[in-house]
Amino acid sequence: MIEGILVEGLIYGIMVLGVFITFRILDFPDLTVDGSFPLGAALMVQGILLGYNGWVALLMAFVGGVMAGVVTAIIHNHLKVPNLLAGILTMTMLYSINIRILGNRANVPLLNQDTILSSVSTRFAGIVPDEYLLLVFFIIVVLVIKLLIDQFFRTDLGMTMGAMGNNEQMVISQGVNPKTLKTIGVGLSNGLVAVSGAFAAQYLGFADVGLGQGIIISGLASVMIGEFLVMKSNKIGVLTLCAIMGSILFHGVMYLGRYYGYLINMTPNDLNLIKGLLIIVLLVLTQSRKLKKFAAKAMVSK
């Protein structure tokens, strides 16, 4: 049970890192995620079925996600469409595109196909206990992705992108085009989301156009859980770690809801209600924490 929660949390943790980039660093609420997640799954499955190497198919998924994010950024930047609506438009169009990629089918299984996960299980069988193989693999994958993101946001481009999220006007005054930064950031975010979708498809054994339904809510809840449980920090390494921890904890809560919810007459259909209520509770707790800090500072100043 614990291994399953950790593996699922790490797979979706890659998606949470993408959501973290747009919502927390760029201050760009992006709903493209609900379309780019199944896009990554669709490209991964079709790539494998067409005979491509699993890592090549994964790269295809990443590129596809980046392109989806770039489309959202272009709609927002050049057509002056609000960021929320731009994401909704891209997400809506991706539904049809994903069905096209899957050969006009809503669901395509991966039956008896060589995937990255099956190759890992075969190659390292006997070296690592079978029940921990995928866990070790995803720990390594997520750690590498996290370190690459940390390194990127320590570069001049990454720090400028973070500054734009806090104060766009200041970045403009420095002669930097915020449209370019948004395009890079939203593209990178959705590329990570698509990679998460690609791994999820291999883990689940199929790609489905409905895989992304409500995924943005899961991502937001995970980001907020991580931020709430860990003390406030401006260090990118701590922030990305919080996002991953939040994903694991969120999926732990969802696991308990799925398998033990019957004790309180709860069904799997109630999980979306739980997600929404969880976000509301986190928002209330976060606001109360901020008010307490503000009150404490006011007392000190007196």
Protein backbone atom coordinates (compact mmCIF):
# COMPACT_ATOMS: atom_id res chain seq x y z
CA MET A 1 0.00 0.00 0.00
CA ILE A 2 2.68 2.50 1.03
CA GLU A 3 4.76 1.71 -2.05
CA GLY A 4 1.74 2.33 -4.30
CA ILE A 5 0.99 5.69 -2.67
CA LEU A 6 4.62 6.78 -2.99
CA VAL A 7 4.90 5.71 -6.64
CA GLU A 8 1.63 7.40 -7.56
CA GLY A 9 2.62 10.52 -5.63
CA LEU A 10 5.98 10.70 -7.42
CA ILE A 11 4.47 10.17 -10.89
CA TYR A 12 1.96 12.95 -10.34
CA GLY A 13 4.63 14.94 -8.52
CA ILE A 14 6.18 15.70 -11.92
CA MET A 15 2.84 17.24 -12.92
CA VAL A 16 2.75 19.19 -9.65
CA LEU A 17 6.16 20.67 -10.43
CA GLY A 18 4.72 21.93 -13.72
CA VAL A 19 1.69 23.43 -11.96
CA PHE A 20 4.02 25.01 -9.40
CA ILE A 21 5.94 26.79 -12.16
CA THR A 22 2.86 28.45 -13.67
CA PHE A 23 0.84 29.17 -10.53
CA ARG A 24 3.57 30.08 -8.06
CA ILE A 25 6.53 31.31 -10.09
CA LEU A 26 4.85 32.90 -13.12
CA ASP A 27 1.56 33.79 -11.38
CA PHE A 28 -0.13 32.41 -14.52
CA PRO A 29 -3.23 30.31 -13.73
CA ASP A 30 -3.04 27.76 -16.53
CA LEU A 31 -5.82 25.26 -17.23
CA THR A 32 -3.98 23.76 -20.21
CA VAL A 33 -2.85 21.09 -17.75
CA ASP A 34 -6.14 19.18 -18.07
CA GLY A 35 -5.36 18.72 -21.78
CA SER A 36 -1.57 18.37 -21.77
CA PHE A 37 -1.63 15.52 -19.22
CA PRO A 38 -3.66 13.15 -21.46
CA LEU A 39 -1.70 14.52 -24.44
CA GLY A 40 1.49 13.13 -22.91
CA ALA A 41 -0.24 9.81 -22.24
CA ALA A 42 -1.58 9.62 -25.81
CA LEU A 43 1.77 10.43 -27.42
CA MET A 44 3.56 7.93 -25.19
CA VAL A 45 1.16 5.07 -25.95
CA GLN A 46 1.01 5.74 -29.69
CA GLY A 47 4.78 6.11 -29.86
CA ILE A 48 5.24 2.71 -28.22
CA LEU A 49 2.58 1.08 -30.41
CA LEU A 50 4.33 2.48 -33.51
CA GLY A 51 7.56 0.80 -32.43
CA TYR A 52 9.51 3.75 -31.04
CA ASN A 53 11.88 3.32 -28.12
CA GLY A 54 10.21 4.21 -24.81
CA TRP A 55 12.59 7.11 -24.14
CA VAL A 56 11.99 8.50 -27.63
CA ALA A 57 8.23 8.30 -27.01
CA LEU A 58 8.77 10.10 -23.69
CA LEU A 59 10.65 12.86 -25.51
CA MET A 60 7.76 13.10 -27.97
CA ALA A 61 5.38 13.53 -25.04
CA PHE A 62 7.55 16.30 -23.56
CA VAL A 63 7.76 18.17 -26.86
CA GLY A 64 4.01 17.80 -27.36
CA GLY A 65 3.36 19.26 -23.91
CA VAL A 66 5.74 22.17 -24.57
CA MET A 67 3.92 22.92 -27.83
CA ALA A 68 0.57 22.91 -26.01
CA GLY A 69 1.90 25.38 -23.47
CA VAL A 70 3.35 27.59 -26.20
CA VAL A 71 -0.06 27.70 -27.93
CA THR A 72 -1.65 28.90 -24.68
CA ALA A 73 1.04 31.55 -24.26
CA ILE A 74 0.60 32.74 -27.86
CA ILE A 75 -3.18 33.01 -27.45
CA HIS A 76 -2.66 35.02 -24.26
CA ASN A 77 0.23 37.20 -25.43
CA HIS A 78 -0.70 38.01 -29.01
CA LEU A 79 -4.50 37.74 -29.02
CA LYS A 80 -4.79 39.50 -25.63
CA VAL A 81 -6.95 36.71 -24.25
CA PRO A 82 -6.96 36.40 -20.40
CA ASN A 83 -4.68 33.60 -19.21
CA LEU A 84 -7.52 31.52 -17.74
CA LEU A 85 -9.52 31.65 -20.96
CA ALA A 86 -6.42 30.95 -23.06
CA GLY A 87 -5.80 27.78 -21.06
CA ILE A 88 -9.43 26.70 -21.37
CA LEU A 89 -9.33 27.20 -25.14
CA THR A 90 -6.17 25.10 -25.53
CA MET A 91 -7.51 22.43 -23.17
CA THR A 92 -10.73 22.21 -25.18
CA MET A 93 -8.88 21.89 -28.49
CA LEU A 94 -6.55 19.28 -27.03
CA TYR A 95 -9.48 16.97 -26.30
CA SER A 96 -10.09 16.54 -30.03
CA ILE A 97 -6.36 16.37 -30.77
CA ASN A 98 -5.85 13.65 -28.16
CA ILE A 99 -8.62 11.52 -29.68
CA ARG A 100 -6.99 11.99 -33.08
CA ILE A 101 -3.63 10.86 -31.71
CA LEU A 102 -5.29 7.77 -30.22
CA GLY A 103 -6.75 6.86 -33.61
CA ASN A 104 -10.23 8.26 -32.96
CA ARG A 105 -10.55 6.13 -29.84
CA ALA A 106 -11.13 7.40 -26.32
CA ASN A 107 -9.03 4.66 -24.71
CA VAL A 108 -6.02 2.71 -25.99
CA PRO A 109 -4.45 -0.06 -23.84
CA LEU A 110 -0.79 -1.02 -23.64
CA LEU A 111 -1.04 -4.78 -23.90
CA ASN A 112 2.19 -6.82 -23.96
CA GLN A 113 4.22 -3.79 -25.06
CA ASP A 114 7.77 -2.94 -24.04
CA THR A 115 7.67 0.27 -22.03
CA ILE A 116 10.22 2.12 -19.94
CA LEU A 117 8.74 0.63 -16.78
CA SER A 118 8.72 -2.93 -18.12
CA SER A 119 12.34 -2.53 -19.24
CA VAL A 120 13.34 -1.30 -15.78
CA SER A 121 11.52 -4.24 -14.15
CA THR A 122 13.29 -6.70 -16.45
CA ARG A 123 16.76 -5.19 -16.27
CA PHE A 124 16.95 -4.73 -12.50
CA ALA A 125 15.00 -7.81 -11.43
CA GLY A 126 16.89 -9.53 -8.64
CA ILE A 127 19.00 -6.46 -7.89
CA VAL A 128 16.18 -4.54 -6.23
CA PRO A 129 13.16 -6.30 -4.66
CA ASP A 130 10.28 -6.33 -7.14
CA GLU A 131 7.92 -4.37 -4.88
CA TYR A 132 10.45 -1.52 -4.61
CA LEU A 133 11.68 -1.42 -8.23
CA LEU A 134 9.30 1.24 -9.49
CA LEU A 135 9.62 3.25 -6.29
CA VAL A 136 13.41 3.44 -6.60
CA PHE A 137 13.13 4.27 -10.31
CA PHE A 138 10.69 7.14 -9.78
CA ILE A 139 12.66 8.51 -6.85
CA ILE A 140 15.65 8.80 -9.19
CA VAL A 141 13.58 10.26 -12.07
CA VAL A 142 11.80 12.85 -9.91
CA LEU A 143 15.05 13.78 -8.14
CA VAL A 144 16.79 14.38 -11.48
CA ILE A 145 13.89 16.49 -12.75
CA LYS A 146 13.78 18.45 -9.50
CA LEU A 147 17.52 19.18 -9.61
CA LEU A 148 17.30 20.30 -13.24
CA ILE A 149 14.43 22.66 -12.39
CA ASP A 150 16.34 24.00 -9.39
CA GLN A 151 19.38 24.63 -11.55
CA PHE A 152 17.31 26.33 -14.26
CA PHE A 153 15.77 28.80 -11.80
CA ARG A 154 19.21 29.69 -10.51
CA THR A 155 20.24 30.91 -13.97
CA ASP A 156 19.73 34.51 -15.08
CA LEU A 157 16.77 33.47 -17.24
CA GLY A 158 15.14 31.52 -14.42
CA MET A 159 15.62 34.30 -11.86
CA THR A 160 14.22 36.85 -14.31
CA MET A 161 11.21 34.59 -14.81
CA GLY A 162 10.65 34.44 -11.05
CA ALA A 163 10.98 38.22 -10.79
CA MET A 164 8.35 38.62 -13.51
CA GLY A 165 5.89 36.58 -11.49
CA ASN A 166 6.34 38.98 -8.57
CA ASN A 167 6.52 42.25 -10.51
CA GLU A 168 6.06 42.19 -14.28
CA GLN A 169 6.50 45.94 -14.60
CA MET A 170 9.97 45.78 -13.06
CA VAL A 171 11.04 43.18 -15.64
CA ILE A 172 9.72 45.37 -18.46
CA SER A 173 11.68 48.34 -17.11
CA GLN A 174 14.84 46.22 -17.36
CA GLY A 175 14.25 45.77 -21.09
CA VAL A 176 13.09 42.14 -20.89
CA ASN A 177 10.08 41.00 -22.91
CA PRO A 178 7.62 39.29 -20.50
CA LYS A 179 5.87 37.58 -23.42
CA THR A 180 8.99 35.55 -24.13
CA LEU A 181 9.34 34.59 -20.47
CA LYS A 182 5.70 33.51 -20.26
CA THR A 183 6.06 31.42 -23.41
CA ILE A 184 9.13 29.63 -22.05
CA GLY A 185 7.62 29.14 -18.59
CA VAL A 186 4.20 27.89 -19.70
CA GLY A 187 5.82 25.65 -22.31
CA LEU A 188 8.18 24.12 -19.74
CA SER A 189 5.33 23.64 -17.28
CA ASN A 190 3.14 21.75 -19.73
CA GLY A 191 6.13 19.74 -20.95
CA LEU A 192 6.55 18.43 -17.38
CA VAL A 193 2.82 17.77 -17.13
CA ALA A 194 2.94 15.74 -20.36
CA VAL A 195 5.91 13.71 -19.05
CA SER A 196 3.86 12.94 -15.95
CA GLY A 197 0.99 11.84 -18.18
CA ALA A 198 3.36 9.63 -20.18
CA PHE A 199 4.57 7.84 -17.05
CA ALA A 200 1.00 7.57 -15.73
CA ALA A 201 -0.07 5.84 -18.96
CA GLN A 202 2.69 3.26 -18.55
CA TYR A 203 1.88 2.76 -14.87
CA LEU A 204 -1.86 2.38 -15.52
CA GLY A 205 -1.40 0.39 -18.74
CA PHE A 206 -3.51 2.60 -21.00
CA ALA A 207 -4.07 6.11 -22.33
CA ASP A 208 -7.48 7.73 -22.02
CA VAL A 209 -8.70 11.16 -23.11
CA GLY A 210 -10.31 11.53 -19.69
CA LEU A 211 -7.08 11.09 -17.72
CA GLY A 212 -6.68 14.83 -17.31
CA GLN A 213 -10.14 15.49 -15.89
CA GLY A 214 -9.69 17.56 -12.74
CA ILE A 215 -5.91 17.10 -12.78
CA ILE A 216 -5.37 20.83 -12.24
CA ILE A 217 -7.28 20.59 -8.95
CA SER A 218 -5.03 17.75 -7.83
CA GLY A 219 -1.98 19.82 -8.76
CA LEU A 220 -3.17 22.91 -6.90
CA ALA A 221 -4.11 20.90 -3.82
CA SER A 222 -0.67 19.24 -3.81
CA VAL A 223 1.14 22.57 -4.12
CA MET A 224 -0.91 24.07 -1.30
CA ILE A 225 -0.43 21.06 0.99
CA GLY A 226 3.32 21.24 0.51
CA GLU A 227 3.40 24.97 1.20
CA PHE A 228 1.22 24.64 4.28
CA LEU A 229 3.22 21.87 5.94
CA VAL A 230 6.65 23.41 5.39
CA MET A 231 7.78 26.78 6.70
CA LYS A 232 7.84 29.65 4.22
CA SER A 233 11.01 29.74 2.13
CA ASN A 234 12.21 31.58 -0.95
CA LYS A 235 14.75 28.90 -1.87
CA ILE A 236 13.76 27.15 -5.08
CA GLY A 237 15.13 23.81 -3.85
CA VAL A 238 12.87 23.89 -0.79
CA LEU A 239 9.84 25.00 -2.82
CA THR A 240 10.15 22.20 -5.38
CA LEU A 241 10.65 19.67 -2.58
CA CYS A 242 7.48 20.98 -0.92
CA ALA A 243 5.57 20.47 -4.18
CA ILE A 244 6.69 16.84 -4.42
CA MET A 245 5.91 16.17 -0.75
CA GLY A 246 2.49 17.74 -1.24
CA SER A 247 1.79 15.39 -4.15
CA ILE A 248 2.65 12.33 -2.07
CA LEU A 249 0.51 13.48 0.85
CA PHE A 250 -2.40 14.39 -1.43
CA HIS A 251 -2.42 10.97 -3.06
CA GLY A 252 -2.19 9.38 0.38
CA VAL A 253 -5.39 11.21 1.34
CA MET A 254 -7.06 10.15 -1.93
CA TYR A 255 -5.99 6.54 -1.31
CA LEU A 256 -7.64 6.57 2.10
CA GLY A 257 -10.77 8.08 0.55
CA ARG A 258 -10.93 5.40 -2.16
CA TYR A 259 -10.36 2.37 0.03
CA TYR A 260 -11.77 3.37 3.41
CA GLY A 261 -14.40 5.93 2.48
CA TYR A 262 -17.10 3.28 2.65
CA LEU A 263 -16.86 3.53 6.46
CA ILE A 264 -18.58 6.94 6.20
CA ASN A 265 -20.77 5.99 3.22
CA MET A 266 -18.46 7.75 0.76
CA THR A 267 -18.07 6.48 -2.82
CA PRO A 268 -15.36 7.13 -5.44
CA ASN A 269 -17.75 9.65 -7.00
CA ASP A 270 -17.22 11.84 -3.92
CA LEU A 271 -13.47 12.25 -4.46
CA ASN A 272 -13.84 15.44 -6.50
CA LEU A 273 -15.92 16.88 -3.66
CA ILE A 274 -13.12 16.00 -1.24
CA LYS A 275 -10.54 17.68 -3.48
CA GLY A 276 -12.55 20.90 -3.60
CA LEU A 277 -13.20 20.90 0.15
CA LEU A 278 -9.52 20.17 0.81
CA ILE A 279 -8.46 23.24 -1.19
CA ILE A 280 -11.04 25.42 0.60
CA VAL A 281 -9.80 24.23 4.01
CA LEU A 282 -6.18 24.87 3.01
CA LEU A 283 -7.06 28.38 1.80
CA VAL A 284 -8.79 29.16 5.11
CA LEU A 285 -5.89 27.79 7.15
CA THR A 286 -3.36 29.69 5.04
CA GLN A 287 -5.27 32.95 5.46
CA SER A 288 -5.54 32.43 9.23
CA ARG A 289 -1.80 31.74 9.42
CA LYS A 290 -1.07 34.96 7.52
CA LEU A 291 -3.35 36.95 9.83
CA LYS A 292 -1.60 35.53 12.90
CA LYS A 293 1.83 36.46 11.49
CA PHE A 294 0.58 39.95 10.63
CA ALA A 295 -0.81 40.39 14.14
CA ALA A 296 2.45 39.16 15.67
CA LYS A 297 4.48 41.65 13.61
CA ALA A 298 2.10 44.44 14.59
CA MET A 299 2.59 43.60 18.28
CA VAL A 300 6.37 43.60 17.88
CA SER A 301 6.36 46.97 16.09
CA LYS A 302 4.42 48.49 19.01
